[in-house]
Structure formats: C-alpha cells, structure tokens
N, C-alpha and C. Protein backbone atom coordinates (compact mmCIF):
# COMPACT_ATOMS: atom_id res chain seq x y z
N LEU A 1 117.38 -26.85 -53.42
CA LEU A 1 116.56 -25.79 -52.86
C LEU A 1 116.43 -26.03 -51.35
N THR A 2 116.56 -24.99 -50.57
CA THR A 2 116.36 -25.12 -49.13
C THR A 2 114.94 -24.70 -48.76
N VAL A 3 114.52 -25.07 -47.57
CA VAL A 3 113.20 -24.66 -47.08
C VAL A 3 113.10 -23.14 -47.04
N GLY A 4 114.15 -22.47 -46.60
CA GLY A 4 114.16 -21.01 -46.56
C GLY A 4 113.96 -20.40 -47.94
N GLU A 5 114.62 -20.95 -48.95
CA GLU A 5 114.47 -20.46 -50.32
C GLU A 5 113.05 -20.73 -50.85
N LEU A 6 112.54 -21.92 -50.56
CA LEU A 6 111.18 -22.26 -50.95
C LEU A 6 110.18 -21.30 -50.31
N ALA A 7 110.36 -21.03 -49.03
CA ALA A 7 109.46 -20.12 -48.31
C ALA A 7 109.47 -18.73 -48.93
N GLU A 8 110.65 -18.24 -49.29
CA GLU A 8 110.74 -16.92 -49.92
C GLU A 8 110.03 -16.89 -51.27
N GLN A 9 110.17 -17.95 -52.05
CA GLN A 9 109.48 -18.02 -53.34
C GLN A 9 107.97 -18.02 -53.17
N ILE A 10 107.49 -18.83 -52.24
CA ILE A 10 106.04 -18.90 -52.00
C ILE A 10 105.54 -17.55 -51.48
N LYS A 11 106.27 -16.97 -50.57
CA LYS A 11 105.88 -15.67 -50.00
C LYS A 11 105.79 -14.62 -51.10
N ARG A 12 106.77 -14.57 -51.96
CA ARG A 12 106.80 -13.58 -53.04
C ARG A 12 105.70 -13.83 -54.06
N LYS A 13 105.59 -15.06 -54.54
CA LYS A 13 104.61 -15.37 -55.58
C LYS A 13 103.17 -15.34 -55.07
N GLY A 14 102.98 -15.63 -53.79
CA GLY A 14 101.65 -15.61 -53.21
C GLY A 14 101.27 -14.26 -52.64
N HIS A 15 102.22 -13.31 -52.67
CA HIS A 15 102.00 -11.97 -52.11
C HIS A 15 101.63 -12.04 -50.63
N PHE A 16 102.31 -12.93 -49.90
CA PHE A 16 102.06 -13.09 -48.47
C PHE A 16 102.97 -12.16 -47.68
N SER A 17 102.49 -11.67 -46.56
CA SER A 17 103.29 -10.81 -45.68
C SER A 17 104.37 -11.61 -44.96
N GLY A 18 104.12 -12.87 -44.77
CA GLY A 18 105.07 -13.71 -44.07
C GLY A 18 104.46 -15.08 -43.84
N GLY A 19 105.17 -15.88 -43.10
CA GLY A 19 104.69 -17.22 -42.80
C GLY A 19 105.42 -17.76 -41.59
N LYS A 20 105.03 -18.97 -41.20
CA LYS A 20 105.67 -19.62 -40.06
C LYS A 20 106.45 -20.83 -40.54
N LEU A 21 107.63 -21.00 -39.97
CA LEU A 21 108.47 -22.14 -40.29
C LEU A 21 108.69 -22.95 -39.03
N THR A 22 108.45 -24.24 -39.14
CA THR A 22 108.83 -25.18 -38.09
C THR A 22 109.93 -26.03 -38.70
N GLY A 23 111.09 -26.03 -38.09
CA GLY A 23 112.22 -26.78 -38.63
C GLY A 23 113.35 -25.85 -39.00
N ASN A 24 114.35 -26.42 -39.64
CA ASN A 24 115.56 -25.70 -40.01
C ASN A 24 115.42 -25.10 -41.41
N PRO A 25 115.63 -23.78 -41.58
CA PRO A 25 115.50 -23.17 -42.91
C PRO A 25 116.52 -23.69 -43.92
N GLU A 26 117.57 -24.34 -43.45
CA GLU A 26 118.60 -24.89 -44.35
C GLU A 26 118.29 -26.31 -44.80
N THR A 27 117.16 -26.86 -44.38
CA THR A 27 116.77 -28.22 -44.79
C THR A 27 116.65 -28.30 -46.31
N GLU A 28 117.29 -29.28 -46.89
CA GLU A 28 117.20 -29.51 -48.34
C GLU A 28 115.83 -30.07 -48.68
N VAL A 29 115.24 -29.56 -49.76
CA VAL A 29 113.89 -29.95 -50.16
C VAL A 29 113.94 -30.83 -51.41
N SER A 30 113.31 -32.00 -51.31
CA SER A 30 113.13 -32.81 -52.51
C SER A 30 111.66 -33.23 -52.65
N THR A 31 110.94 -33.32 -51.53
CA THR A 31 109.54 -33.73 -51.58
C THR A 31 108.70 -32.79 -50.71
N VAL A 32 107.66 -32.21 -51.33
CA VAL A 32 106.76 -31.30 -50.62
C VAL A 32 105.36 -31.88 -50.67
N PHE A 33 104.65 -31.80 -49.56
CA PHE A 33 103.27 -32.27 -49.50
C PHE A 33 102.38 -31.10 -49.12
N LEU A 34 101.43 -30.78 -49.99
CA LEU A 34 100.45 -29.74 -49.71
C LEU A 34 99.30 -30.41 -48.98
N ALA A 35 99.24 -30.18 -47.68
CA ALA A 35 98.21 -30.81 -46.85
C ALA A 35 96.96 -29.95 -46.84
N GLU A 36 95.86 -30.56 -46.54
CA GLU A 36 94.62 -29.79 -46.41
C GLU A 36 94.66 -29.05 -45.08
N HIS A 37 93.86 -29.47 -44.16
CA HIS A 37 93.79 -28.84 -42.85
C HIS A 37 94.33 -29.81 -41.82
N ILE A 38 95.29 -29.34 -41.05
CA ILE A 38 95.82 -30.14 -39.94
C ILE A 38 95.14 -29.62 -38.69
N THR A 39 94.14 -30.36 -38.23
CA THR A 39 93.21 -29.85 -37.22
C THR A 39 93.45 -30.37 -35.81
N GLY A 40 94.40 -31.26 -35.63
CA GLY A 40 94.64 -31.80 -34.31
C GLY A 40 93.81 -33.03 -33.99
N ARG A 41 93.13 -33.58 -34.99
CA ARG A 41 92.36 -34.81 -34.77
C ARG A 41 93.33 -35.98 -34.74
N ASP A 42 93.28 -36.73 -33.68
CA ASP A 42 94.26 -37.79 -33.45
C ASP A 42 94.47 -38.73 -34.63
N GLU A 43 93.43 -39.39 -35.09
CA GLU A 43 93.59 -40.40 -36.12
C GLU A 43 94.06 -39.79 -37.45
N LYS A 44 93.50 -38.68 -37.83
CA LYS A 44 93.89 -38.03 -39.08
C LYS A 44 95.35 -37.57 -39.02
N ASP A 45 95.74 -37.00 -37.89
CA ASP A 45 97.12 -36.52 -37.75
C ASP A 45 98.11 -37.68 -37.66
N LYS A 46 97.72 -38.76 -37.00
CA LYS A 46 98.59 -39.94 -36.94
C LYS A 46 98.82 -40.50 -38.35
N ALA A 47 97.76 -40.52 -39.15
CA ALA A 47 97.89 -41.01 -40.53
C ALA A 47 98.81 -40.11 -41.34
N LEU A 48 98.72 -38.79 -41.12
CA LEU A 48 99.59 -37.86 -41.84
C LEU A 48 101.05 -38.05 -41.41
N ILE A 49 101.30 -38.25 -40.14
CA ILE A 49 102.66 -38.50 -39.66
C ILE A 49 103.23 -39.77 -40.29
N ARG A 50 102.41 -40.82 -40.37
CA ARG A 50 102.87 -42.06 -41.04
C ARG A 50 103.20 -41.78 -42.50
N LYS A 51 102.35 -41.00 -43.17
CA LYS A 51 102.58 -40.64 -44.59
C LYS A 51 103.90 -39.88 -44.74
N ILE A 52 104.17 -38.94 -43.84
CA ILE A 52 105.41 -38.16 -43.89
C ILE A 52 106.61 -39.10 -43.84
N ASP A 53 106.55 -40.07 -42.95
CA ASP A 53 107.65 -41.02 -42.83
C ASP A 53 107.74 -41.98 -44.01
N GLU A 54 106.63 -42.60 -44.35
CA GLU A 54 106.62 -43.63 -45.40
C GLU A 54 107.01 -43.06 -46.77
N GLU A 55 106.56 -41.84 -47.07
CA GLU A 55 106.84 -41.25 -48.37
C GLU A 55 108.03 -40.30 -48.36
N GLN A 56 108.73 -40.27 -47.24
CA GLN A 56 109.93 -39.44 -47.07
C GLN A 56 109.69 -37.99 -47.50
N ILE A 57 108.62 -37.41 -46.95
CA ILE A 57 108.26 -36.02 -47.25
C ILE A 57 109.15 -35.10 -46.42
N ASP A 58 109.75 -34.12 -47.10
CA ASP A 58 110.65 -33.17 -46.43
C ASP A 58 109.89 -31.98 -45.85
N VAL A 59 108.93 -31.46 -46.62
CA VAL A 59 108.25 -30.23 -46.24
C VAL A 59 106.73 -30.42 -46.35
N ILE A 60 106.03 -30.01 -45.31
CA ILE A 60 104.58 -30.01 -45.30
C ILE A 60 104.12 -28.56 -45.41
N ILE A 61 103.16 -28.30 -46.29
CA ILE A 61 102.55 -26.97 -46.39
C ILE A 61 101.05 -27.15 -46.21
N PRO A 62 100.55 -26.90 -44.99
CA PRO A 62 99.11 -27.05 -44.76
C PRO A 62 98.35 -25.77 -45.11
N LEU A 63 97.09 -25.93 -45.48
CA LEU A 63 96.24 -24.77 -45.72
C LEU A 63 95.80 -24.16 -44.39
N GLU A 64 95.65 -25.00 -43.38
CA GLU A 64 95.32 -24.52 -42.05
C GLU A 64 96.04 -25.41 -41.06
N LEU A 65 96.44 -24.85 -39.95
CA LEU A 65 97.29 -25.60 -39.02
C LEU A 65 96.92 -25.32 -37.58
N VAL A 66 96.69 -26.40 -36.84
CA VAL A 66 96.62 -26.33 -35.39
C VAL A 66 98.03 -26.71 -34.92
N ASP A 67 98.61 -25.86 -34.08
CA ASP A 67 100.04 -25.98 -33.77
C ASP A 67 100.40 -27.07 -32.76
N TYR A 68 99.87 -28.23 -32.92
CA TYR A 68 100.34 -29.36 -32.14
C TYR A 68 100.20 -30.60 -33.00
N THR A 69 100.41 -31.74 -32.50
CA THR A 69 100.47 -33.03 -33.20
C THR A 69 101.49 -32.98 -34.34
N VAL A 70 101.08 -32.72 -35.57
CA VAL A 70 101.98 -32.79 -36.73
C VAL A 70 103.09 -31.74 -36.61
N ALA A 71 102.75 -30.53 -36.21
CA ALA A 71 103.78 -29.49 -36.07
C ALA A 71 104.82 -29.89 -35.02
N GLU A 72 104.37 -30.46 -33.92
CA GLU A 72 105.31 -30.91 -32.90
C GLU A 72 106.15 -32.09 -33.39
N TYR A 73 105.53 -32.98 -34.16
CA TYR A 73 106.29 -34.08 -34.74
C TYR A 73 107.39 -33.54 -35.65
N ILE A 74 107.04 -32.58 -36.50
CA ILE A 74 108.02 -31.99 -37.42
C ILE A 74 109.13 -31.32 -36.63
N ARG A 75 108.76 -30.61 -35.60
CA ARG A 75 109.77 -29.94 -34.76
C ARG A 75 110.73 -30.95 -34.15
N ASP A 76 110.19 -32.02 -33.57
CA ASP A 76 111.03 -33.05 -32.96
C ASP A 76 111.91 -33.73 -34.01
N ALA A 77 111.34 -34.06 -35.17
CA ALA A 77 112.11 -34.71 -36.24
C ALA A 77 113.23 -33.81 -36.73
N SER A 78 112.94 -32.53 -36.85
CA SER A 78 113.98 -31.58 -37.29
C SER A 78 115.09 -31.48 -36.26
N CYS A 79 114.72 -31.38 -35.00
CA CYS A 79 115.73 -31.30 -33.93
C CYS A 79 116.59 -32.56 -33.87
N ALA A 80 115.99 -33.69 -34.24
CA ALA A 80 116.73 -34.96 -34.24
C ALA A 80 117.56 -35.15 -35.51
N GLY A 81 117.50 -34.17 -36.43
CA GLY A 81 118.32 -34.23 -37.64
C GLY A 81 117.72 -34.97 -38.80
N PHE A 82 116.40 -35.19 -38.79
CA PHE A 82 115.75 -35.95 -39.86
C PHE A 82 115.36 -35.12 -41.07
N GLY A 83 115.66 -33.83 -41.09
CA GLY A 83 115.41 -33.01 -42.27
C GLY A 83 113.95 -32.85 -42.62
N LYS A 84 113.15 -32.48 -41.65
CA LYS A 84 111.72 -32.24 -41.87
C LYS A 84 111.42 -30.78 -41.56
N ALA A 85 110.44 -30.20 -42.27
CA ALA A 85 110.04 -28.82 -42.01
C ALA A 85 108.57 -28.64 -42.36
N LEU A 86 107.99 -27.60 -41.80
CA LEU A 86 106.60 -27.26 -42.05
C LEU A 86 106.53 -25.76 -42.32
N LEU A 87 105.85 -25.39 -43.40
CA LEU A 87 105.63 -23.97 -43.74
C LEU A 87 104.15 -23.68 -43.68
N SER A 88 103.77 -22.64 -42.97
CA SER A 88 102.37 -22.26 -42.86
C SER A 88 102.22 -20.79 -43.19
N PHE A 89 101.37 -20.48 -44.17
CA PHE A 89 101.17 -19.11 -44.62
C PHE A 89 99.80 -18.57 -44.27
N GLY A 90 98.99 -19.36 -43.63
CA GLY A 90 97.68 -18.89 -43.19
C GLY A 90 96.55 -19.47 -44.02
N HIS A 91 95.46 -19.69 -43.36
CA HIS A 91 94.28 -20.32 -43.96
C HIS A 91 93.73 -19.52 -45.14
N PHE A 92 93.36 -18.28 -44.90
CA PHE A 92 92.73 -17.50 -45.96
C PHE A 92 93.74 -17.09 -47.04
N ASN A 93 94.97 -16.84 -46.64
CA ASN A 93 96.00 -16.45 -47.60
C ASN A 93 96.17 -17.50 -48.68
N THR A 94 96.27 -18.75 -48.28
CA THR A 94 96.51 -19.81 -49.25
C THR A 94 95.27 -20.08 -50.09
N GLU A 95 94.09 -19.85 -49.56
CA GLU A 95 92.88 -20.07 -50.33
C GLU A 95 92.62 -18.95 -51.33
N GLU A 96 93.17 -17.78 -51.09
CA GLU A 96 92.94 -16.66 -52.01
C GLU A 96 93.46 -16.94 -53.41
N LEU A 97 94.52 -17.72 -53.54
CA LEU A 97 95.04 -18.05 -54.88
C LEU A 97 93.98 -18.75 -55.71
N GLY A 98 93.27 -19.69 -55.09
CA GLY A 98 92.19 -20.40 -55.79
C GLY A 98 90.99 -19.51 -56.04
N MET A 99 90.68 -18.66 -55.08
CA MET A 99 89.54 -17.75 -55.25
C MET A 99 89.80 -16.78 -56.40
N SER A 100 91.02 -16.32 -56.53
CA SER A 100 91.38 -15.43 -57.63
C SER A 100 91.17 -16.13 -58.97
N TYR A 101 91.55 -17.39 -59.04
CA TYR A 101 91.35 -18.17 -60.25
C TYR A 101 89.85 -18.33 -60.55
N LEU A 102 89.05 -18.55 -59.50
CA LEU A 102 87.62 -18.76 -59.70
C LEU A 102 86.93 -17.54 -60.30
N GLU A 103 87.45 -16.35 -60.02
CA GLU A 103 86.88 -15.15 -60.65
C GLU A 103 86.95 -15.29 -62.18
N GLN A 104 88.09 -15.69 -62.68
CA GLN A 104 88.26 -15.87 -64.12
C GLN A 104 87.39 -17.03 -64.64
N TYR A 105 87.40 -18.12 -63.88
CA TYR A 105 86.65 -19.30 -64.30
C TYR A 105 85.15 -19.02 -64.38
N PHE A 106 84.59 -18.39 -63.34
CA PHE A 106 83.15 -18.11 -63.33
C PHE A 106 82.78 -17.08 -64.39
N SER A 107 83.63 -16.11 -64.63
CA SER A 107 83.37 -15.14 -65.70
C SER A 107 83.28 -15.86 -67.04
N PHE A 108 84.18 -16.81 -67.26
CA PHE A 108 84.15 -17.61 -68.49
C PHE A 108 82.90 -18.50 -68.52
N LEU A 109 82.61 -19.16 -67.40
CA LEU A 109 81.49 -20.09 -67.29
C LEU A 109 80.17 -19.40 -67.61
N PHE A 110 80.00 -18.17 -67.15
CA PHE A 110 78.75 -17.44 -67.35
C PHE A 110 78.81 -16.48 -68.54
N ASN A 111 79.82 -16.66 -69.38
CA ASN A 111 79.96 -15.86 -70.62
C ASN A 111 79.89 -14.36 -70.36
N GLY A 112 80.38 -13.92 -69.21
CA GLY A 112 80.39 -12.50 -68.91
C GLY A 112 79.02 -11.92 -68.59
N LYS A 113 77.98 -12.76 -68.49
CA LYS A 113 76.63 -12.28 -68.21
C LYS A 113 76.39 -12.01 -66.73
N VAL A 114 77.28 -12.51 -65.90
CA VAL A 114 77.20 -12.29 -64.46
C VAL A 114 78.50 -11.62 -64.02
N ASP A 115 78.37 -10.53 -63.30
CA ASP A 115 79.57 -9.87 -62.79
C ASP A 115 80.17 -10.70 -61.66
N VAL A 116 81.42 -11.03 -61.81
CA VAL A 116 82.13 -11.79 -60.80
C VAL A 116 83.33 -10.97 -60.39
N ILE A 117 83.44 -10.71 -59.10
CA ILE A 117 84.52 -9.86 -58.60
C ILE A 117 85.23 -10.58 -57.46
N PHE A 118 86.52 -10.67 -57.56
CA PHE A 118 87.33 -11.25 -56.48
C PHE A 118 87.71 -10.14 -55.51
N CYS A 119 87.36 -10.32 -54.25
CA CYS A 119 87.70 -9.35 -53.20
C CYS A 119 88.65 -10.02 -52.22
N PRO A 120 89.94 -9.73 -52.31
CA PRO A 120 90.89 -10.38 -51.40
C PRO A 120 90.65 -9.96 -49.95
N SER A 121 90.75 -10.93 -49.06
CA SER A 121 90.60 -10.61 -47.64
C SER A 121 91.92 -10.16 -47.04
N ALA A 122 93.00 -10.45 -47.73
CA ALA A 122 94.35 -10.08 -47.29
C ALA A 122 94.74 -10.84 -46.02
N ASP A 123 95.92 -10.57 -45.56
CA ASP A 123 96.46 -11.26 -44.41
C ASP A 123 95.80 -10.77 -43.13
N MET A 124 95.34 -11.69 -42.31
CA MET A 124 94.69 -11.27 -41.06
C MET A 124 95.71 -10.94 -39.97
N PHE A 125 96.98 -11.26 -40.21
CA PHE A 125 98.03 -10.99 -39.22
C PHE A 125 98.96 -9.88 -39.71
N GLN A 126 99.55 -9.22 -38.78
CA GLN A 126 100.66 -8.31 -39.09
C GLN A 126 101.92 -9.02 -38.59
N TYR A 127 102.92 -9.10 -39.43
CA TYR A 127 104.17 -9.75 -39.05
C TYR A 127 105.16 -8.70 -38.60
N LEU A 128 105.67 -8.84 -37.40
CA LEU A 128 106.58 -7.86 -36.82
C LEU A 128 108.00 -8.38 -36.83
C-alpha cells in the first residue's frame, strides 16, 4: 500500500473533503502511527521524532498539526529518501468519527431515555 492509496481510503471512509500530505505519495506503508496533537512543543515533538526513528514508523496521522517541528522533520526525511510521510485530515474531521460513535454509545448507555443527536461540524476548509 502506498501513502497515496492510504490517503484515498481514509478520505473516502472518513467522508473527508481532502487532506494534506507531507512526503512522497508513492512511499510504501508498513507502519502507521496515529498521533494525538502535534503542537510544536519542543520536548514532546523531539520525543515523537525519536519514536518515528526508533520504531521505523512510515506514516504519521495526527489529529491536529502545527506545521513545523515534526512536519518539517518528515519533509526532510522524505526528501533524503527515508520513506517517511505525514497525512493530516483536520482536527475536527478526525474527531467526528468518534463523536458519531458516541451518539450510539450514549443512546445505549441511557437506554434511549435521553435524546442524543450527533451534529457533524463538517470540514472547516474548502479544498481547491
């Protein structure tokens, strides 16, 4: 599976309008890491970069991304031929999958006695 193919699957199954790719779309994927929030904090991001190297992670998928530190590392590693990539589909977009599940879970938890409605926020960006 390539990063480009993985991105298309995630985009389709997540009903996302699009996403951002850092790296080469032809990168072969064997290990994916779903990161929490990559916020640009030095120590946290340095630890994540070490993890990427030590565990030979090919693709990082963060729930939220500040476009420096880890993203720049991935870009440099990809340019150097190390087969690294980063896919970002947006903060709220990726959280909506869990929120949709919680609608079902809370309805079950409260035995239908409480109305629970999932209201998707949808993509905050338009992709051109």
